[in-house]
Amino acid sequence: MCPWLRRNQFMKTASLARLSAADAFLLDNACPDIVSVLVFDIDGESPSFDTIRDQIRRNIERMDALPVRLAHDRLKAGFPYRVRSHRRSDSAIVELRSSTTWEEALTELSDLAGCKVDPFTQCVKVHVFRNVESSPTVSGTATLVALQVNHAIVDGRGAARILQELLDGGGSSSVRARPLDRDPSWMHTAMAVVGVPGRLARTYWRLFRLPREAAHDSRDNRPEQSSHSRTGDGPSGIDTVMFDRQDLTPLEMTVTETALTAVAFALPLIEGRSYRGEVPIAAPPGLNPRTVNNLVNVVVELPDSTGTPSAAAFRIRELLTAEIETARNIAARARLSVIDGAPAFVVRAIAKNAASEHNTSSRDAVDRFKLTSYQAPVSGAHVGGTPPSFAMSIPTLGPSEALTVTFVGFGDVVTTTIAARPGPIDDLPAFLDRLVAAVADLGAADRQHRFRED
């Protein structure tokens, strides 16, 4: 191969393996790991851990994008690279409990979400719980398989997809990036150093052209995360509730709109206090196609819960639509493009400063909460030939956060998981009861609306 073709091949391989600026931002901001879970209703006793481990190990070995770790170039001049891990593939698979209850498994999963895996050693871990009693929708004992993955590698929906692939056996991988076979060389370092002046010039030019409304936008949509390896003290309570998907789409609402409405009515009504919901949405098009976390957060000021849930739902739909349009306008794209084109040391400084700012303030009241909603893919995943009953994601709480809620759909079942700290929500079961009641009220309004149309 001629030198010119060899150089182009080297640059292409390096580009595919290197983290994008947006993904590196989450790494340097110490964003919590994602913990995605599949629950299996297996008739009788769960398969042995050796059987489950061998199944996952074989699938990992078939996948060309896992397992991976991160590695810097020699001078840390650029963004980290994904590098193929040469550790035994089954070293990432751990049995946490051979016999436990659903409540104990949730607590342990919540603790796991508060402790990050070291991405420079291993980006993923698989945790197995066998013979779990009292699991919702499961007649006997359940088997839980949880994937813990660094957020710089994949987003929540991507983590759910990877977990299914680990239990599918098809050998395919949804991870677009391809890791390096060995640690970055001096050539990778040289490429990063040579690229710094161009990235600095591009950042300055984009800042210079930044629209006035973007430069002076006072809203803070950055995720509030810790800068430490542990993302918080963990929630004081975590619980789940199951819904039929059609129950979360009344009045032609989306699941996210219904979820925001239900949480707004489940929160305590306190005079002088308003609530804001922070929701991740797809980022505007046109950013780096290698970015796996193509998300931005929008913050919705929720109306008070003194009216009816249906009236609040329509108002929340209007507010959420307006925030999404604002997040995808020219000014928002300009702000995101600044980070997208900045050199590594600038992104690293911005991320660490953002984490430090959020770490210095402690929030005792639930005036702002996080809500994530997505549909997990349904594939051929199985344990011992049994398909999953439902999927879920374990919410994480940063030091300044008191409430996080996830709605994860799997087929026709949506699993809602709530993590909370002490404060206004001192009774988590009562909060869940109010949330279920709000969903039921929206369903009643939907039936009444359809009756009038008929």
Protein backbone atom coordinates (compact mmCIF):
# COMPACT_ATOMS: atom_id res chain seq x y z
CA MET A 1 0.00 0.00 0.00
CA CYS A 2 1.39 3.43 -0.92
CA PRO A 3 2.22 5.92 1.88
CA TRP A 4 -0.70 8.21 0.96
CA LEU A 5 -3.27 5.42 1.21
CA ARG A 6 -1.66 4.13 4.40
CA ARG A 7 -1.88 7.61 5.97
CA ASN A 8 -5.54 7.96 5.01
CA GLN A 9 -6.34 4.53 6.42
CA PHE A 10 -4.56 5.41 9.67
CA MET A 11 -6.50 8.67 10.03
CA LYS A 12 -9.82 6.99 9.28
CA THR A 13 -9.19 4.23 11.83
CA ALA A 14 -8.14 6.78 14.45
CA SER A 15 -11.19 8.94 13.77
CA LEU A 16 -13.60 6.01 14.23
CA ALA A 17 -11.98 5.00 17.53
CA ARG A 18 -11.67 8.47 19.05
CA LEU A 19 -14.36 9.91 21.34
CA SER A 20 -16.18 12.93 19.99
CA ALA A 21 -16.04 16.20 21.91
CA ALA A 22 -19.60 15.75 23.24
CA ASP A 23 -18.86 12.24 24.51
CA ALA A 24 -15.55 13.34 26.05
CA PHE A 25 -17.44 16.14 27.81
CA LEU A 26 -19.54 13.53 29.65
CA LEU A 27 -16.37 11.62 30.56
CA ASP A 28 -14.61 14.67 32.02
CA ASN A 29 -17.82 15.86 33.68
CA ALA A 30 -17.91 12.53 35.58
CA CYS A 31 -21.40 11.75 34.31
CA PRO A 32 -22.88 8.73 36.13
CA ASP A 33 -22.76 5.32 34.52
CA ILE A 34 -25.85 3.91 32.81
CA VAL A 35 -27.34 0.78 34.38
CA SER A 36 -29.74 -0.97 31.99
CA VAL A 37 -31.65 -4.05 33.22
CA LEU A 38 -33.56 -6.94 31.66
CA VAL A 39 -35.83 -9.09 33.85
CA PHE A 40 -36.62 -12.71 32.92
CA ASP A 41 -39.52 -14.78 34.25
CA ILE A 42 -38.00 -18.27 34.21
CA ASP A 43 -40.12 -21.24 35.13
CA GLY A 44 -38.52 -22.86 38.16
CA GLU A 45 -35.01 -22.10 39.40
CA SER A 46 -32.78 -19.69 37.49
CA PRO A 47 -30.08 -21.19 35.27
CA SER A 48 -26.68 -21.51 36.90
CA PHE A 49 -24.37 -18.52 36.83
CA ASP A 50 -21.86 -20.51 34.75
CA THR A 51 -24.54 -21.06 32.08
CA ILE A 52 -25.46 -17.34 31.94
CA ARG A 53 -21.81 -16.26 32.00
CA ASP A 54 -20.88 -18.61 29.16
CA GLN A 55 -23.78 -17.35 27.05
CA ILE A 56 -22.74 -13.70 27.52
CA ARG A 57 -19.04 -14.47 27.06
CA ARG A 58 -19.66 -16.17 23.71
CA ASN A 59 -21.67 -13.20 22.50
CA ILE A 60 -19.03 -10.70 23.63
CA GLU A 61 -16.40 -12.61 21.68
CA ARG A 62 -18.58 -12.44 18.54
CA MET A 63 -18.98 -8.66 18.81
CA ASP A 64 -16.23 -6.63 17.19
CA ALA A 65 -16.87 -3.48 19.26
CA LEU A 66 -16.78 -5.00 22.77
CA PRO A 67 -15.17 -5.23 25.23
CA VAL A 68 -13.39 -1.88 25.21
CA ARG A 69 -11.51 0.49 27.47
CA LEU A 70 -10.38 4.07 26.99
CA ALA A 71 -6.81 5.27 26.53
CA HIS A 72 -5.24 8.72 26.08
CA ASP A 73 -2.60 9.53 23.54
CA ARG A 74 0.92 9.91 24.95
CA LEU A 75 0.55 13.63 25.80
CA LYS A 76 -3.23 13.76 26.38
CA ALA A 77 -3.34 16.27 23.55
CA GLY A 78 -6.56 14.88 22.04
CA PHE A 79 -9.69 13.09 23.09
CA PRO A 80 -9.41 9.53 24.48
CA TYR A 81 -9.57 6.54 22.15
CA ARG A 82 -11.59 3.37 22.44
CA VAL A 83 -9.12 0.50 22.65
CA ARG A 84 -9.93 -3.19 22.49
CA SER A 85 -9.54 -4.74 25.92
CA HIS A 86 -7.46 -7.90 25.99
CA ARG A 87 -8.70 -8.96 29.40
CA ARG A 88 -10.75 -12.15 29.57
CA SER A 89 -14.25 -11.34 28.35
CA ASP A 90 -15.84 -13.13 31.31
CA SER A 91 -13.94 -10.86 33.74
CA ALA A 92 -16.65 -8.26 33.10
CA ILE A 93 -19.44 -10.64 34.22
CA VAL A 94 -20.22 -10.78 37.95
CA GLU A 95 -22.86 -12.64 39.95
CA LEU A 96 -24.10 -10.33 42.69
CA ARG A 97 -26.75 -12.54 44.26
CA SER A 98 -27.70 -16.19 43.78
CA SER A 99 -30.86 -15.67 45.85
CA THR A 100 -32.44 -12.37 46.87
CA THR A 101 -35.61 -10.28 46.89
CA TRP A 102 -36.71 -7.62 44.40
CA GLU A 103 -36.27 -4.83 46.98
CA GLU A 104 -32.74 -5.97 47.83
CA ALA A 105 -31.82 -6.24 44.16
CA LEU A 106 -33.09 -2.69 43.49
CA THR A 107 -31.06 -1.34 46.40
CA GLU A 108 -27.91 -3.05 45.20
CA LEU A 109 -28.44 -1.87 41.63
CA SER A 110 -28.90 1.65 42.94
CA ASP A 111 -25.62 1.39 44.83
CA LEU A 112 -23.94 0.20 41.62
CA ALA A 113 -25.28 3.23 39.76
CA GLY A 114 -23.57 5.43 42.34
CA CYS A 115 -20.15 3.84 41.77
CA LYS A 116 -18.54 4.24 38.36
CA VAL A 117 -16.56 1.62 36.54
CA ASP A 118 -13.07 2.80 35.60
CA PRO A 119 -13.37 3.39 31.83
CA PHE A 120 -9.59 3.27 31.40
CA THR A 121 -9.64 -0.30 32.68
CA GLN A 122 -13.01 -1.57 31.48
CA CYS A 123 -15.98 0.41 30.15
CA VAL A 124 -18.66 -2.20 30.81
CA LYS A 125 -19.69 -4.68 33.49
CA VAL A 126 -22.52 -7.21 33.50
CA HIS A 127 -24.19 -7.99 36.83
CA VAL A 128 -26.37 -11.06 37.34
CA PHE A 129 -29.03 -11.65 40.01
CA ARG A 130 -30.56 -15.13 40.15
CA ASN A 131 -33.66 -16.40 41.93
CA VAL A 132 -35.10 -12.96 42.69
CA GLU A 133 -38.36 -13.20 44.62
CA SER A 134 -41.32 -10.77 44.55
CA SER A 135 -40.42 -9.27 41.18
CA PRO A 136 -43.35 -7.41 39.55
CA THR A 137 -45.24 -9.26 36.78
CA VAL A 138 -43.20 -12.40 37.51
CA SER A 139 -45.10 -15.42 38.81
CA GLY A 140 -42.15 -17.25 40.40
CA THR A 141 -38.53 -16.20 40.78
CA ALA A 142 -36.86 -13.84 38.32
CA THR A 143 -33.40 -13.53 36.81
CA LEU A 144 -31.99 -10.01 36.41
CA VAL A 145 -29.16 -9.16 34.02
CA ALA A 146 -27.84 -5.59 34.32
CA LEU A 147 -25.37 -3.83 32.05
CA GLN A 148 -23.33 -1.05 33.65
CA VAL A 149 -21.58 1.08 31.04
CA ASN A 150 -19.74 4.38 31.01
CA HIS A 151 -21.90 7.19 29.62
CA ALA A 152 -19.15 8.34 27.24
CA ILE A 153 -19.51 5.03 25.36
CA VAL A 154 -23.28 4.98 24.84
CA ASP A 155 -26.56 6.64 25.83
CA GLY A 156 -29.48 5.01 27.66
CA ARG A 157 -31.27 3.59 24.62
CA GLY A 158 -27.93 2.36 23.24
CA ALA A 159 -27.14 0.61 26.53
CA ALA A 160 -30.49 -1.22 26.35
CA ARG A 161 -29.66 -2.28 22.78
CA ILE A 162 -26.18 -3.54 23.72
CA LEU A 163 -27.60 -5.53 26.65
CA GLN A 164 -30.04 -7.26 24.31
CA GLU A 165 -27.21 -8.04 21.89
CA LEU A 166 -25.19 -9.57 24.73
CA LEU A 167 -28.08 -11.95 25.36
CA ASP A 168 -29.12 -12.47 21.74
CA GLY A 169 -26.31 -14.51 20.20
CA GLY A 170 -26.55 -12.85 16.81
CA GLY A 171 -23.06 -11.41 17.14
CA SER A 172 -24.06 -8.04 15.71
CA SER A 173 -23.22 -4.76 17.37
CA SER A 174 -25.05 -1.44 17.33
CA VAL A 175 -21.88 0.38 18.42
CA ARG A 176 -20.75 2.30 15.35
CA ALA A 177 -17.27 3.07 16.63
CA ARG A 178 -14.50 0.57 16.13
CA PRO A 179 -11.75 0.41 18.79
CA LEU A 180 -8.00 0.41 18.22
CA ASP A 181 -6.25 -2.92 18.64
CA ARG A 182 -3.56 -1.38 20.87
CA ASP A 183 -2.86 1.80 22.83
CA PRO A 184 -2.51 5.05 20.85
CA SER A 185 0.99 5.53 19.43
CA TRP A 186 3.11 8.64 18.98
CA MET A 187 1.47 9.00 15.57
CA HIS A 188 -1.89 9.52 17.28
CA THR A 189 -0.26 12.08 19.59
CA ALA A 190 1.28 13.92 16.64
CA MET A 191 -2.07 13.98 14.85
CA ALA A 192 -3.74 15.48 17.94
CA VAL A 193 -1.01 18.12 18.42
CA VAL A 194 -1.11 19.16 14.76
CA GLY A 195 -4.88 19.53 14.96
CA VAL A 196 -4.91 21.85 18.01
CA PRO A 197 -4.30 25.16 16.12
CA GLY A 198 -7.08 24.39 13.68
CA ARG A 199 -9.51 23.49 16.48
CA LEU A 200 -8.59 26.67 18.39
CA ALA A 201 -9.17 28.79 15.30
CA ARG A 202 -12.47 27.04 14.63
CA THR A 203 -13.59 27.56 18.25
CA TYR A 204 -12.68 31.27 18.13
CA TRP A 205 -14.48 31.73 14.82
CA ARG A 206 -17.61 29.97 16.07
CA LEU A 207 -17.60 32.02 19.28
CA PHE A 208 -17.20 35.19 17.21
CA ARG A 209 -20.18 34.22 15.08
CA LEU A 210 -22.28 33.01 18.04
CA PRO A 211 -25.71 34.69 17.85
CA ARG A 212 -26.42 37.24 20.57
CA GLU A 213 -29.36 35.21 21.88
CA ALA A 214 -27.09 32.19 22.29
CA ALA A 215 -24.31 34.08 24.06
CA HIS A 216 -26.72 35.57 26.59
CA ASP A 217 -29.07 32.65 27.10
CA SER A 218 -29.54 32.44 30.88
CA ARG A 219 -31.11 28.98 30.96
CA ASP A 220 -28.82 26.24 32.19
CA ASN A 221 -29.51 22.95 30.45
CA ARG A 222 -26.31 21.21 31.42
CA PRO A 223 -26.69 17.96 33.33
CA GLU A 224 -25.95 18.33 37.00
CA GLN A 225 -23.26 15.80 37.78
CA SER A 226 -20.53 15.13 40.30
CA SER A 227 -16.85 15.44 39.47
CA HIS A 228 -15.94 12.46 41.66
CA SER A 229 -15.81 8.77 40.92
CA ARG A 230 -18.82 8.31 43.17
CA THR A 231 -21.78 10.24 41.84
CA GLY A 232 -23.51 10.79 45.16
CA ASP A 233 -24.53 9.15 48.39
CA GLY A 234 -27.20 7.19 46.58
CA PRO A 235 -30.96 7.53 46.98
CA SER A 236 -32.71 6.95 50.27
CA GLY A 237 -35.46 5.18 48.38
CA ILE A 238 -35.94 3.44 45.03
CA ASP A 239 -39.05 1.72 43.75
CA THR A 240 -40.82 0.68 40.56
CA VAL A 241 -44.34 0.66 39.15
CA MET A 242 -45.54 -0.97 35.93
CA PHE A 243 -47.89 0.51 33.32
CA ASP A 244 -49.48 -0.71 30.14
CA ARG A 245 -48.12 1.46 27.34
CA GLN A 246 -51.58 2.53 26.16
CA ASP A 247 -52.28 3.90 29.67
CA LEU A 248 -49.41 6.37 29.17
CA THR A 249 -50.68 7.73 25.84
CA PRO A 250 -54.10 9.20 26.72
CA LEU A 251 -55.51 12.26 24.92
CA GLU A 252 -52.99 11.63 22.10
CA MET A 253 -50.17 12.47 24.51
CA THR A 254 -46.66 11.03 24.28
CA VAL A 255 -45.29 8.93 27.13
CA THR A 256 -42.97 11.81 28.10
CA GLU A 257 -45.84 14.31 28.29
CA THR A 258 -47.92 11.93 30.39
CA ALA A 259 -44.93 11.16 32.61
CA LEU A 260 -44.25 14.85 33.29
CA THR A 261 -47.91 15.39 34.12
CA ALA A 262 -48.08 12.41 36.46
CA VAL A 263 -44.90 13.43 38.31
CA ALA A 264 -46.16 17.01 38.62
CA PHE A 265 -49.33 15.74 40.35
CA ALA A 266 -47.42 13.25 42.48
CA LEU A 267 -45.12 15.93 43.92
CA PRO A 268 -46.38 17.66 47.08
CA LEU A 269 -48.21 20.95 46.58
CA ILE A 270 -46.26 23.50 48.65
CA GLU A 271 -47.10 27.20 48.60
CA GLY A 272 -44.45 29.26 46.88
CA ARG A 273 -42.66 26.29 45.33
CA SER A 274 -42.65 25.46 41.64
CA TYR A 275 -41.16 22.44 39.94
CA ARG A 276 -39.09 22.04 36.81
CA GLY A 277 -38.57 18.83 34.87
CA GLU A 278 -35.29 18.24 33.05
CA VAL A 279 -35.79 16.01 30.00
CA PRO A 280 -33.16 14.80 27.48
CA ILE A 281 -34.12 15.12 23.82
CA ALA A 282 -32.36 14.40 20.53
CA ALA A 283 -29.77 17.06 19.68
CA PRO A 284 -30.19 19.26 16.60
CA PRO A 285 -28.93 17.64 13.38
CA GLY A 286 -25.61 18.57 11.86
CA LEU A 287 -23.29 17.70 14.75
CA ASN A 288 -20.48 15.15 14.71
CA PRO A 289 -21.99 11.88 13.39
CA ARG A 290 -19.57 9.88 15.58
CA THR A 291 -21.21 11.22 18.74
CA VAL A 292 -23.16 8.51 20.57
CA ASN A 293 -24.70 10.92 23.08
CA ASN A 294 -26.55 13.13 20.62
CA LEU A 295 -28.74 14.56 23.38
CA VAL A 296 -29.47 17.92 24.93
CA ASN A 297 -31.48 18.61 28.07
CA VAL A 298 -34.53 20.85 28.09
CA VAL A 299 -36.07 22.21 31.28
CA VAL A 300 -39.86 22.53 31.52
CA GLU A 301 -41.49 24.81 34.11
CA LEU A 302 -44.41 22.69 35.30
CA PRO A 303 -47.80 24.24 36.03
CA ASP A 304 -49.15 23.80 39.55
CA SER A 305 -51.31 20.78 40.28
CA THR A 306 -54.36 22.67 41.51
CA GLY A 307 -56.33 22.02 38.31
CA THR A 308 -57.16 18.79 36.53
CA PRO A 309 -54.46 16.46 35.19
CA SER A 310 -55.85 16.75 31.65
CA ALA A 311 -55.63 20.56 31.67
CA ALA A 312 -52.10 20.36 33.04
CA ALA A 313 -51.14 17.76 30.42
CA PHE A 314 -52.13 20.03 27.53
CA ARG A 315 -50.21 22.92 29.11
CA ILE A 316 -47.14 20.72 29.63
CA ARG A 317 -47.34 19.64 25.98
CA GLU A 318 -47.23 23.31 24.92
CA LEU A 319 -44.32 24.09 27.24
CA LEU A 320 -42.33 21.02 26.21
CA THR A 321 -42.89 21.71 22.50
CA ALA A 322 -41.69 25.30 22.95
CA GLU A 323 -38.57 24.19 24.85
CA ILE A 324 -37.74 21.58 22.19
CA GLU A 325 -38.07 24.18 19.43
CA THR A 326 -35.80 26.54 21.38
CA ALA A 327 -33.24 23.78 21.96
CA ARG A 328 -33.12 23.06 18.23
CA ASN A 329 -32.98 26.63 16.93
CA ILE A 330 -29.98 28.33 15.33
CA ALA A 331 -28.69 29.71 18.63
CA ALA A 332 -28.74 26.31 20.32
CA ARG A 333 -26.97 24.67 17.39
CA ALA A 334 -24.34 27.41 17.53
CA ARG A 335 -23.65 26.75 21.22
CA LEU A 336 -23.32 23.01 20.62
CA SER A 337 -21.03 23.53 17.62
CA VAL A 338 -18.58 25.46 19.80
CA ILE A 339 -18.01 22.39 21.99
CA ASP A 340 -18.10 20.10 18.97
CA GLY A 341 -15.13 21.83 17.36
CA ALA A 342 -13.08 22.73 20.44
CA PRO A 343 -9.69 21.13 21.27
CA ALA A 344 -9.54 18.51 24.01
CA PHE A 345 -8.02 20.71 26.72
CA VAL A 346 -10.79 23.32 26.27
CA VAL A 347 -13.56 20.69 26.47
CA ARG A 348 -11.85 19.16 29.52
CA ALA A 349 -11.70 22.52 31.31
CA ILE A 350 -15.33 23.38 30.53
CA ALA A 351 -16.54 19.96 31.71
CA LYS A 352 -14.60 20.06 34.98
CA ASN A 353 -15.74 23.62 35.67
CA ALA A 354 -19.36 22.65 35.06
CA ALA A 355 -19.05 19.67 37.43
CA SER A 356 -17.39 21.82 40.07
CA GLU A 357 -20.13 24.47 39.90
CA HIS A 358 -22.89 21.90 40.34
CA ASN A 359 -21.00 20.15 43.13
CA THR A 360 -20.78 23.23 45.32
CA SER A 361 -24.54 23.59 45.72
CA SER A 362 -26.69 21.08 47.56
CA ARG A 363 -30.38 20.89 46.79
CA ASP A 364 -32.57 19.71 49.65
CA ALA A 365 -35.87 20.41 47.90
CA VAL A 366 -37.23 18.83 44.75
CA ASP A 367 -37.49 22.03 42.72
CA ARG A 368 -35.86 20.40 39.68
CA PHE A 369 -35.96 16.72 38.81
CA LYS A 370 -34.74 14.58 35.91
CA LEU A 371 -37.07 12.48 33.79
CA THR A 372 -35.94 10.06 31.09
CA SER A 373 -38.30 8.20 28.78
CA TYR A 374 -37.51 5.84 25.91
CA GLN A 375 -38.59 2.58 24.29
CA ALA A 376 -36.08 -0.26 24.64
CA PRO A 377 -35.66 -2.43 21.54
CA VAL A 378 -37.21 -5.89 21.43
CA SER A 379 -34.93 -8.52 19.91
CA GLY A 380 -34.06 -12.18 20.39
CA ALA A 381 -32.50 -11.75 23.82
CA HIS A 382 -33.04 -14.69 26.15
CA VAL A 383 -31.71 -16.48 29.21
CA GLY A 384 -32.02 -20.24 29.00
CA GLY A 385 -34.44 -19.82 26.09
CA THR A 386 -36.76 -17.48 28.04
CA PRO A 387 -37.31 -13.96 26.60
CA PRO A 388 -37.34 -10.87 28.86
CA SER A 389 -40.53 -9.85 30.66
CA PHE A 390 -39.62 -6.18 30.93
CA ALA A 391 -36.73 -3.71 30.78
CA MET A 392 -35.78 -0.89 33.11
CA SER A 393 -33.07 1.67 33.78
CA ILE A 394 -31.73 2.50 37.24
CA PRO A 395 -31.98 6.25 37.98
CA THR A 396 -28.89 8.05 39.27
CA LEU A 397 -28.79 10.99 41.67
CA GLY A 398 -26.06 13.62 41.65
CA PRO A 399 -25.05 15.44 44.86
CA SER A 400 -27.52 18.27 44.20
CA GLU A 401 -30.42 16.11 43.04
CA ALA A 402 -33.33 14.77 45.06
CA LEU A 403 -35.48 13.02 42.45
CA THR A 404 -34.89 11.13 39.19
CA VAL A 405 -37.54 9.17 37.28
CA THR A 406 -37.12 6.81 34.32
CA PHE A 407 -39.87 5.44 32.06
CA VAL A 408 -38.58 2.54 29.95
CA GLY A 409 -40.87 0.74 27.54
CA PHE A 410 -40.43 -2.85 26.42
CA GLY A 411 -43.14 -4.06 24.10
CA ASP A 412 -46.45 -3.06 25.69
CA VAL A 413 -45.02 -2.75 29.22
CA VAL A 414 -43.51 0.49 30.59
CA THR A 415 -41.49 0.25 33.79
CA THR A 416 -41.26 3.41 35.88
CA THR A 417 -38.37 3.58 38.34
CA ILE A 418 -38.09 6.36 40.90
CA ALA A 419 -35.03 7.24 42.97
CA ALA A 420 -35.42 9.90 45.67
CA ARG A 421 -33.66 11.41 48.66
CA PRO A 422 -35.31 12.71 51.84
CA GLY A 423 -37.14 16.01 51.50
CA PRO A 424 -40.67 16.64 50.31
CA ILE A 425 -40.78 12.99 49.19
CA ASP A 426 -40.48 11.36 52.59
CA ASP A 427 -42.99 8.65 51.69
CA LEU A 428 -42.03 7.01 48.39
CA PRO A 429 -45.00 4.55 48.31
CA ALA A 430 -47.40 7.48 48.73
CA PHE A 431 -45.63 9.32 45.89
CA LEU A 432 -46.08 6.25 43.69
CA ASP A 433 -49.77 6.03 44.63
CA ARG A 434 -50.30 9.66 43.58
CA LEU A 435 -48.41 9.07 40.32
CA VAL A 436 -50.58 6.03 39.49
CA ALA A 437 -53.71 8.02 40.40
CA ALA A 438 -52.69 10.85 38.06
CA VAL A 439 -52.22 8.38 35.18
CA ALA A 440 -55.65 6.89 35.97
CA ASP A 441 -57.24 10.38 35.95
CA LEU A 442 -55.74 11.05 32.52
CA GLY A 443 -57.12 7.71 31.31
CA ALA A 444 -60.59 8.61 32.60
CA ALA A 445 -60.40 11.98 30.82
CA ASP A 446 -59.37 10.17 27.64
CA ARG A 447 -62.33 7.78 27.85
CA GLN A 448 -64.69 10.67 28.47
CA HIS A 449 -63.25 12.52 25.48
CA ARG A 450 -63.68 9.49 23.22
CA PHE A 451 -67.26 8.97 24.47
CA ARG A 452 -68.14 12.54 23.50
CA GLU A 453 -66.64 12.05 20.05
CA ASP A 454 -68.72 8.88 19.55
